N, C-alpha and C. Protein backbone atom coordinates (compact mmCIF):
# COMPACT_ATOMS: atom_id res chain seq x y z
N MET A 1 -19.27 -14.19 5.45
CA MET A 1 -18.22 -14.73 4.60
C MET A 1 -16.87 -14.51 5.27
N ASP A 2 -16.04 -15.53 5.29
CA ASP A 2 -14.72 -15.44 5.90
C ASP A 2 -13.76 -14.69 4.99
N ASP A 3 -12.89 -13.91 5.62
CA ASP A 3 -11.83 -13.27 4.87
C ASP A 3 -10.83 -14.33 4.44
N ILE A 4 -10.36 -14.22 3.19
CA ILE A 4 -9.39 -15.21 2.73
C ILE A 4 -7.97 -14.67 2.75
N ASN A 5 -7.81 -13.39 2.98
CA ASN A 5 -6.50 -12.78 2.96
C ASN A 5 -5.81 -12.95 4.30
N ARG A 6 -4.65 -13.55 4.28
CA ARG A 6 -3.89 -13.74 5.51
C ARG A 6 -2.62 -12.90 5.52
N LEU A 7 -2.56 -11.93 4.63
CA LEU A 7 -1.34 -11.16 4.45
C LEU A 7 -0.87 -10.52 5.76
N LYS A 8 -1.75 -9.86 6.47
CA LYS A 8 -1.36 -9.19 7.71
C LYS A 8 -0.76 -10.18 8.70
N ILE A 9 -1.37 -11.34 8.83
CA ILE A 9 -0.89 -12.37 9.75
C ILE A 9 0.49 -12.87 9.32
N CYS A 10 0.65 -13.11 8.03
CA CYS A 10 1.94 -13.59 7.53
C CYS A 10 3.04 -12.56 7.73
N LEU A 11 2.73 -11.29 7.54
CA LEU A 11 3.72 -10.24 7.78
C LEU A 11 4.15 -10.23 9.25
N VAL A 12 3.19 -10.34 10.15
CA VAL A 12 3.52 -10.37 11.58
C VAL A 12 4.37 -11.59 11.91
N GLU A 13 3.97 -12.75 11.38
CA GLU A 13 4.73 -13.98 11.64
C GLU A 13 6.17 -13.89 11.16
N HIS A 14 6.40 -13.11 10.12
CA HIS A 14 7.75 -12.98 9.56
C HIS A 14 8.43 -11.67 9.98
N LYS A 15 7.82 -10.99 10.96
CA LYS A 15 8.37 -9.76 11.53
C LYS A 15 8.68 -8.71 10.46
N LYS A 16 7.72 -8.54 9.54
CA LYS A 16 7.83 -7.56 8.47
C LYS A 16 6.69 -6.56 8.60
N THR A 17 6.90 -5.36 8.08
CA THR A 17 5.89 -4.32 8.16
C THR A 17 5.24 -4.08 6.80
N ASN A 18 4.12 -3.37 6.83
CA ASN A 18 3.47 -2.96 5.58
C ASN A 18 4.42 -2.11 4.75
N LYS A 19 5.16 -1.23 5.42
CA LYS A 19 6.10 -0.35 4.72
C LYS A 19 7.18 -1.18 4.02
N TRP A 20 7.71 -2.17 4.70
CA TRP A 20 8.73 -3.04 4.11
C TRP A 20 8.18 -3.71 2.85
N LEU A 21 6.97 -4.25 2.96
CA LEU A 21 6.36 -4.93 1.82
C LEU A 21 6.13 -3.96 0.67
N ALA A 22 5.61 -2.78 0.98
CA ALA A 22 5.36 -1.78 -0.06
C ALA A 22 6.65 -1.46 -0.82
N GLU A 23 7.73 -1.29 -0.10
CA GLU A 23 9.01 -0.99 -0.74
C GLU A 23 9.48 -2.12 -1.64
N HIS A 24 9.26 -3.35 -1.21
CA HIS A 24 9.75 -4.52 -1.96
C HIS A 24 8.89 -4.90 -3.15
N VAL A 25 7.63 -4.51 -3.14
CA VAL A 25 6.77 -4.83 -4.29
C VAL A 25 6.48 -3.60 -5.14
N GLY A 26 7.04 -2.46 -4.75
CA GLY A 26 6.89 -1.25 -5.54
C GLY A 26 5.48 -0.66 -5.52
N LYS A 27 4.84 -0.76 -4.38
CA LYS A 27 3.48 -0.23 -4.22
C LYS A 27 3.46 0.82 -3.12
N ASP A 28 2.44 1.64 -3.13
CA ASP A 28 2.25 2.64 -2.10
C ASP A 28 1.88 1.94 -0.79
N PRO A 29 2.40 2.41 0.34
CA PRO A 29 2.02 1.80 1.63
C PRO A 29 0.51 1.77 1.86
N ALA A 30 -0.21 2.76 1.34
CA ALA A 30 -1.67 2.77 1.50
C ALA A 30 -2.31 1.59 0.77
N THR A 31 -1.73 1.20 -0.34
CA THR A 31 -2.23 0.04 -1.09
C THR A 31 -2.04 -1.23 -0.28
N VAL A 32 -0.86 -1.39 0.31
CA VAL A 32 -0.59 -2.57 1.13
C VAL A 32 -1.52 -2.58 2.34
N SER A 33 -1.78 -1.43 2.92
CA SER A 33 -2.71 -1.35 4.04
C SER A 33 -4.10 -1.83 3.63
N LYS A 34 -4.53 -1.47 2.45
CA LYS A 34 -5.84 -1.93 1.95
C LYS A 34 -5.85 -3.44 1.75
N TRP A 35 -4.72 -3.99 1.32
CA TRP A 35 -4.64 -5.45 1.18
C TRP A 35 -4.78 -6.11 2.56
N CYS A 36 -4.11 -5.54 3.55
CA CYS A 36 -4.10 -6.14 4.89
C CYS A 36 -5.45 -6.04 5.59
N THR A 37 -6.27 -5.10 5.19
CA THR A 37 -7.59 -4.94 5.80
C THR A 37 -8.70 -5.51 4.91
N ASN A 38 -8.32 -6.18 3.85
CA ASN A 38 -9.26 -6.80 2.91
C ASN A 38 -10.18 -5.80 2.22
N THR A 39 -9.73 -4.56 2.11
CA THR A 39 -10.47 -3.56 1.35
C THR A 39 -10.32 -3.85 -0.14
N THR A 40 -9.10 -4.19 -0.53
CA THR A 40 -8.80 -4.63 -1.90
C THR A 40 -7.85 -5.82 -1.79
N GLN A 41 -7.62 -6.47 -2.91
CA GLN A 41 -6.72 -7.62 -2.93
C GLN A 41 -5.64 -7.42 -3.99
N PRO A 42 -4.43 -7.91 -3.72
CA PRO A 42 -3.39 -7.87 -4.75
C PRO A 42 -3.72 -8.86 -5.85
N ASP A 43 -3.19 -8.60 -7.04
CA ASP A 43 -3.40 -9.56 -8.13
C ASP A 43 -2.51 -10.79 -7.89
N LEU A 44 -2.72 -11.82 -8.67
CA LEU A 44 -1.99 -13.08 -8.47
C LEU A 44 -0.49 -12.94 -8.67
N VAL A 45 -0.07 -12.11 -9.60
CA VAL A 45 1.37 -11.89 -9.83
C VAL A 45 2.00 -11.28 -8.57
N THR A 46 1.30 -10.31 -7.98
CA THR A 46 1.80 -9.67 -6.77
C THR A 46 1.78 -10.64 -5.59
N LEU A 47 0.73 -11.44 -5.49
CA LEU A 47 0.68 -12.45 -4.41
C LEU A 47 1.86 -13.40 -4.51
N LYS A 48 2.20 -13.80 -5.73
CA LYS A 48 3.34 -14.70 -5.94
C LYS A 48 4.63 -14.03 -5.48
N LYS A 49 4.79 -12.76 -5.82
CA LYS A 49 5.99 -12.03 -5.41
C LYS A 49 6.05 -11.90 -3.89
N ILE A 50 4.92 -11.63 -3.25
CA ILE A 50 4.87 -11.53 -1.79
C ILE A 50 5.27 -12.86 -1.15
N ALA A 51 4.74 -13.94 -1.68
CA ALA A 51 5.08 -15.27 -1.16
C ALA A 51 6.58 -15.53 -1.29
N GLN A 52 7.16 -15.14 -2.41
CA GLN A 52 8.60 -15.32 -2.60
C GLN A 52 9.40 -14.48 -1.61
N LEU A 53 8.97 -13.23 -1.40
CA LEU A 53 9.67 -12.35 -0.46
C LEU A 53 9.63 -12.90 0.96
N LEU A 54 8.50 -13.48 1.34
CA LEU A 54 8.33 -14.03 2.68
C LEU A 54 8.81 -15.48 2.78
N ASP A 55 9.23 -16.04 1.66
CA ASP A 55 9.69 -17.43 1.59
C ASP A 55 8.62 -18.39 2.12
N ILE A 56 7.40 -18.21 1.60
CA ILE A 56 6.29 -19.08 1.97
C ILE A 56 5.57 -19.54 0.71
N ASP A 57 4.75 -20.57 0.87
CA ASP A 57 3.90 -21.03 -0.23
C ASP A 57 2.77 -20.02 -0.40
N ILE A 58 2.43 -19.72 -1.63
CA ILE A 58 1.36 -18.76 -1.90
C ILE A 58 0.05 -19.15 -1.21
N CYS A 59 -0.16 -20.44 -1.00
CA CYS A 59 -1.38 -20.92 -0.33
C CYS A 59 -1.50 -20.37 1.09
N GLU A 60 -0.37 -20.09 1.74
CA GLU A 60 -0.41 -19.54 3.09
C GLU A 60 -1.01 -18.14 3.12
N LEU A 61 -0.99 -17.46 1.97
CA LEU A 61 -1.56 -16.13 1.91
C LEU A 61 -3.07 -16.13 1.69
N ILE A 62 -3.60 -17.26 1.27
CA ILE A 62 -5.03 -17.29 0.97
C ILE A 62 -5.81 -18.34 1.75
N ASN A 63 -5.14 -19.21 2.48
CA ASN A 63 -5.83 -20.24 3.26
C ASN A 63 -5.75 -19.92 4.74
N HIS A 64 -6.75 -20.37 5.48
CA HIS A 64 -6.77 -20.16 6.92
C HIS A 64 -5.77 -21.06 7.64
N THR A 65 -5.47 -22.20 7.08
CA THR A 65 -4.55 -23.12 7.73
C THR A 65 -3.39 -23.42 6.82
N LYS A 66 -2.24 -23.65 7.43
CA LYS A 66 -1.06 -24.02 6.65
C LYS A 66 -1.22 -25.44 6.16
N GLN A 67 -0.67 -25.69 4.98
CA GLN A 67 -0.79 -27.04 4.41
C GLN A 67 0.47 -27.82 4.61
């Protein structure tokens, strides 16, 4: 099964770190690390906030290709 989480890739593309994201969404850095390794997934509200912070469409966080 393919991973659907592209968070780590999007953070790299936007030159942001896990720590930066954790601070901006009010989560522990360990939680963000789990999101980036597909151990757990953020809820949809958090995904929307991440997309807004990165100024991207939420679909870029869950699809393999940009639309």
